[in-house]
C-alpha atoms as a PDB file:
ATOM      1  CA  UNK A   1    -113.517 105.490 136.771  1.00  0.00           C
ATOM      2  CA  UNK A   2    -116.368 103.524 135.500  1.00  0.00           C
ATOM      3  CA  UNK A   3    -119.112 105.290 138.148  1.00  0.00           C
ATOM      4  CA  UNK A   4    -118.179 108.638 136.414  1.00  0.00           C
ATOM      5  CA  UNK A   5    -119.460 110.053 132.822  1.00  0.00           C
ATOM      6  CA  UNK A   6    -118.396 113.345 130.849  1.00  0.00           C
ATOM      7  CA  UNK A   7    -120.531 116.621 132.326  1.00  0.00           C
ATOM      8  CA  UNK A   8    -121.552 114.548 135.594  1.00  0.00           C
ATOM      9  CA  UNK A   9    -121.307 117.197 138.320  1.00  0.00           C
ATOM     10  CA  UNK A  10    -119.654 115.460 141.078  1.00  0.00           C
ATOM     11  CA  UNK A  11    -118.225 116.566 145.284  1.00  0.00           C
ATOM     12  CA  UNK A  12    -114.436 115.595 145.463  1.00  0.00           C
ATOM     13  CA  UNK A  13    -112.230 116.557 147.831  1.00  0.00           C
ATOM     14  CA  UNK A  14    -108.812 118.391 147.313  1.00  0.00           C
ATOM     15  CA  UNK A  15    -105.570 116.196 147.545  1.00  0.00           C
ATOM     16  CA  UNK A  16    -103.133 118.228 146.037  1.00  0.00           C
ATOM     17  CA  UNK A  17    -101.939 121.044 144.606  1.00  0.00           C
ATOM     18  CA  UNK A  18     -99.300 122.021 142.237  1.00  0.00           C
ATOM     19  CA  UNK A  19     -98.950 125.059 140.393  1.00  0.00           C
ATOM     20  CA  UNK A  20    -100.729 124.057 137.064  1.00  0.00           C
ATOM     21  CA  UNK A  21    -103.494 122.407 139.115  1.00  0.00           C
ATOM     22  CA  UNK A  22    -105.609 120.698 141.836  1.00  0.00           C
ATOM     23  CA  UNK A  23    -105.906 117.123 142.204  1.00  0.00           C
ATOM     24  CA  UNK A  24    -109.898 116.199 143.346  1.00  0.00           C
ATOM     25  CA  UNK A  25    -110.369 112.536 144.791  1.00  0.00           C
ATOM     26  CA  UNK A  26    -113.754 111.405 143.928  1.00  0.00           C
ATOM     27  CA  UNK A  27    -113.587 108.443 145.552  1.00  0.00           C
ATOM     28  CA  UNK A  28    -111.469 106.022 146.989  1.00  0.00           C
ATOM     29  CA  UNK A  29    -110.283 104.619 143.726  1.00  0.00           C
ATOM     30  CA  UNK A  30    -110.839 107.340 141.233  1.00  0.00           C
ATOM     31  CA  UNK A  31    -108.735 111.084 141.490  1.00  0.00           C
ATOM     32  CA  UNK A  32    -109.108 113.820 138.801  1.00  0.00           C
ATOM     33  CA  UNK A  33    -107.086 117.169 137.948  1.00  0.00           C
ATOM     34  CA  UNK A  34    -108.697 120.448 137.724  1.00  0.00           C
ATOM     35  CA  UNK A  35    -106.630 122.298 135.377  1.00  0.00           C
ATOM     36  CA  UNK A  36    -105.282 125.831 136.701  1.00  0.00           C
ATOM     37  CA  UNK A  37    -107.775 127.574 133.515  1.00  0.00           C
ATOM     38  CA  UNK A  38    -110.604 125.401 135.484  1.00  0.00           C
ATOM     39  CA  UNK A  39    -110.488 126.987 138.821  1.00  0.00           C
ATOM     40  CA  UNK A  40    -112.284 130.021 138.521  1.00  0.00           C
ATOM     41  CA  UNK A  41    -114.116 132.522 135.631  1.00  0.00           C
ATOM     42  CA  UNK A  42    -111.144 135.104 136.992  1.00  0.00           C
ATOM     43  CA  UNK A  43    -107.388 135.197 136.449  1.00  0.00           C
ATOM     44  CA  UNK A  44    -106.210 132.740 138.594  1.00  0.00           C
ATOM     45  CA  UNK A  45    -102.276 133.499 139.359  1.00  0.00           C
ATOM     46  CA  UNK A  46    -102.115 131.269 142.859  1.00  0.00           C
ATOM     47  CA  UNK A  47    -104.566 128.434 143.086  1.00  0.00           C
ATOM     48  CA  UNK A  48    -103.723 128.353 146.642  1.00  0.00           C
ATOM     49  CA  UNK A  49    -106.358 131.341 146.751  1.00  0.00           C
ATOM     50  CA  UNK A  50    -108.869 129.540 145.328  1.00  0.00           C
ATOM     51  CA  UNK A  51    -108.491 126.027 146.831  1.00  0.00           C
ATOM     52  CA  UNK A  52    -106.788 124.258 150.125  1.00  0.00           C
ATOM     53  CA  UNK A  53    -105.782 120.539 150.447  1.00  0.00           C
ATOM     54  CA  UNK A  54    -108.787 118.891 151.992  1.00  0.00           C
ATOM     55  CA  UNK A  55    -111.456 121.215 150.614  1.00  0.00           C
ATOM     56  CA  UNK A  56    -114.640 119.812 149.954  1.00  0.00           C
ATOM     57  CA  UNK A  57    -115.615 120.942 145.979  1.00  0.00           C
ATOM     58  CA  UNK A  58    -117.973 120.354 143.477  1.00  0.00           C
ATOM     59  CA  UNK A  59    -116.177 119.522 140.172  1.00  0.00           C
ATOM     60  CA  UNK A  60    -117.928 118.992 136.491  1.00  0.00           C
ATOM     61  CA  UNK A  61    -116.285 115.745 134.831  1.00  0.00           C
ATOM     62  CA  UNK A  62    -114.914 117.457 131.474  1.00  0.00           C
ATOM     63  CA  UNK A  63    -113.407 114.378 129.820  1.00  0.00           C
ATOM     64  CA  UNK A  64    -112.431 110.604 130.692  1.00  0.00           C
ATOM     65  CA  UNK A  65    -109.186 109.035 129.988  1.00  0.00           C
ATOM     66  CA  UNK A  66    -109.697 105.502 130.684  1.00  0.00           C
ATOM     67  CA  UNK A  67    -106.572 104.153 128.810  1.00  0.00           C
ATOM     68  CA  UNK A  68    -104.076 106.430 130.819  1.00  0.00           C
ATOM     69  CA  UNK A  69    -106.733 106.742 134.171  1.00  0.00           C
ATOM     70  CA  UNK A  70    -106.942 110.350 134.009  1.00  0.00           C
ATOM     71  CA  UNK A  71    -110.271 112.647 134.075  1.00  0.00           C
ATOM     72  CA  UNK A  72    -110.389 116.475 133.553  1.00  0.00           C
ATOM     73  CA  UNK A  73    -112.307 118.178 136.151  1.00  0.00           C
ATOM     74  CA  UNK A  74    -113.903 122.027 136.444  1.00  0.00           C
ATOM     75  CA  UNK A  75    -115.189 123.983 139.433  1.00  0.00           C
ATOM     76  CA  UNK A  76    -115.663 127.034 137.220  1.00  0.00           C
ATOM     77  CA  UNK A  77    -118.207 124.978 134.677  1.00  0.00           C
ATOM     78  CA  UNK A  78    -120.298 124.253 138.172  1.00  0.00           C
ATOM     79  CA  UNK A  79    -120.724 128.321 138.914  1.00  0.00           C
ATOM     80  CA  UNK A  80    -122.420 130.852 136.540  1.00  0.00           C
ATOM     81  CA  UNK A  81    -120.182 132.873 134.294  1.00  0.00           C
ATOM     82  CA  UNK A  82    -119.959 136.933 135.985  1.00  0.00           C
ATOM     83  CA  UNK A  83    -121.985 138.989 133.593  1.00  0.00           C
ATOM     84  CA  UNK A  84    -119.854 141.277 131.923  1.00  0.00           C
ATOM     85  CA  UNK A  85    -120.657 145.061 131.372  1.00  0.00           C
ATOM     86  CA  UNK A  86    -121.897 145.939 127.687  1.00  0.00           C
ATOM     87  CA  UNK A  87    -119.875 148.541 125.847  1.00  0.00           C
ATOM     88  CA  UNK A  88    -121.703 152.204 125.460  1.00  0.00           C
ATOM     89  CA  UNK A  89    -122.511 152.342 121.644  1.00  0.00           C
ATOM     90  CA  UNK A  90    -121.442 155.423 119.716  1.00  0.00           C
ATOM     91  CA  UNK A  91    -117.840 156.321 118.465  1.00  0.00           C
ATOM     92  CA  UNK A  92    -114.874 154.985 119.625  1.00  0.00           C
ATOM     93  CA  UNK A  93    -112.552 157.150 121.540  1.00  0.00           C
ATOM     94  CA  UNK A  94    -109.192 157.504 120.212  1.00  0.00           C
ATOM     95  CA  UNK A  95    -106.761 157.061 122.749  1.00  0.00           C
ATOM     96  CA  UNK A  96    -103.586 156.542 120.933  1.00  0.00           C
ATOM     97  CA  UNK A  97    -101.020 159.441 120.719  1.00  0.00           C
ATOM     98  CA  UNK A  98    -101.006 159.432 117.283  1.00  0.00           C
ATOM     99  CA  UNK A  99    -102.592 162.869 117.216  1.00  0.00           C
ATOM    100  CA  UNK A 100    -101.524 164.269 120.485  1.00  0.00           C
ATOM    101  CA  UNK A 101     -98.692 165.574 118.659  1.00  0.00           C
ATOM    102  CA  UNK A 102     -95.015 165.978 119.915  1.00  0.00           C
ATOM    103  CA  UNK A 103     -94.615 166.346 124.080  1.00  0.00           C
ATOM    104  CA  UNK A 104     -91.901 169.406 123.304  1.00  0.00           C
ATOM    105  CA  UNK A 105     -91.412 171.553 120.471  1.00  0.00           C
ATOM    106  CA  UNK A 106     -89.142 170.391 117.666  1.00  0.00           C
ATOM    107  CA  UNK A 107     -86.176 173.182 118.504  1.00  0.00           C
ATOM    108  CA  UNK A 108     -86.501 172.108 121.783  1.00  0.00           C
ATOM    109  CA  UNK A 109     -85.961 168.455 121.027  1.00  0.00           C
ATOM    110  CA  UNK A 110     -82.111 166.843 121.616  1.00  0.00           C
ATOM    111  CA  UNK A 111     -80.874 165.637 118.188  1.00  0.00           C
ATOM    112  CA  UNK A 112     -83.389 167.209 115.809  1.00  0.00           C
ATOM    113  CA  UNK A 113     -81.142 170.043 115.274  1.00  0.00           C
ATOM    114  CA  UNK A 114     -78.278 167.742 114.416  1.00  0.00           C
ATOM    115  CA  UNK A 115     -80.468 166.070 111.747  1.00  0.00           C
ATOM    116  CA  UNK A 116     -82.117 169.154 110.418  1.00  0.00           C
ATOM    117  CA  UNK A 117     -78.371 170.496 109.927  1.00  0.00           C
ATOM    118  CA  UNK A 118     -77.656 167.521 108.212  1.00  0.00           C
ATOM    119  CA  UNK A 119     -80.798 166.876 106.142  1.00  0.00           C
ATOM    120  CA  UNK A 120     -79.865 170.696 104.618  1.00  0.00           C
ATOM    121  CA  UNK A 121     -76.397 169.580 104.125  1.00  0.00           C
ATOM    122  CA  UNK A 122     -77.511 165.831 102.007  1.00  0.00           C
ATOM    123  CA  UNK A 123     -79.605 167.945  99.913  1.00  0.00           C
ATOM    124  CA  UNK A 124     -76.616 170.494  98.864  1.00  0.00           C
ATOM    125  CA  UNK A 125     -74.944 167.434  97.814  1.00  0.00           C
ATOM    126  CA  UNK A 126     -77.150 165.478  96.303  1.00  0.00           C
ATOM    127  CA  UNK A 127     -78.137 169.103  94.192  1.00  0.00           C
ATOM    128  CA  UNK A 128     -74.382 169.327  93.618  1.00  0.00           C
ATOM    129  CA  UNK A 129     -73.961 165.993  91.970  1.00  0.00           C
ATOM    130  CA  UNK A 130     -76.686 166.378  89.598  1.00  0.00           C
END
């Protein structure tokens, strides 16, 4: 690990793949982990869609933990982030259903008539008890 520095970009070989990341050998004695979140700028569901054991990859050294002999590596840090489309300026469209109203007429709504009848009954009872 002494041969490597933080932020250094190096080439390594994928030696193993787990659900959480890919192990990359940088030389005969040094291996690091590319966490799944550091594989690509895109969402990565399956690492095997991006790298295979034996692939040669370019990685950036994110962190070196000498005490535990671990290295954090990144493939996406060596790649340019994709440009995102700019949103058009102007008023936002209301896509919620609050303004849309009910999808059916109230008199057709199952249960509405039951509540309507109960409401009238409850109002009569409350007026009667006063």
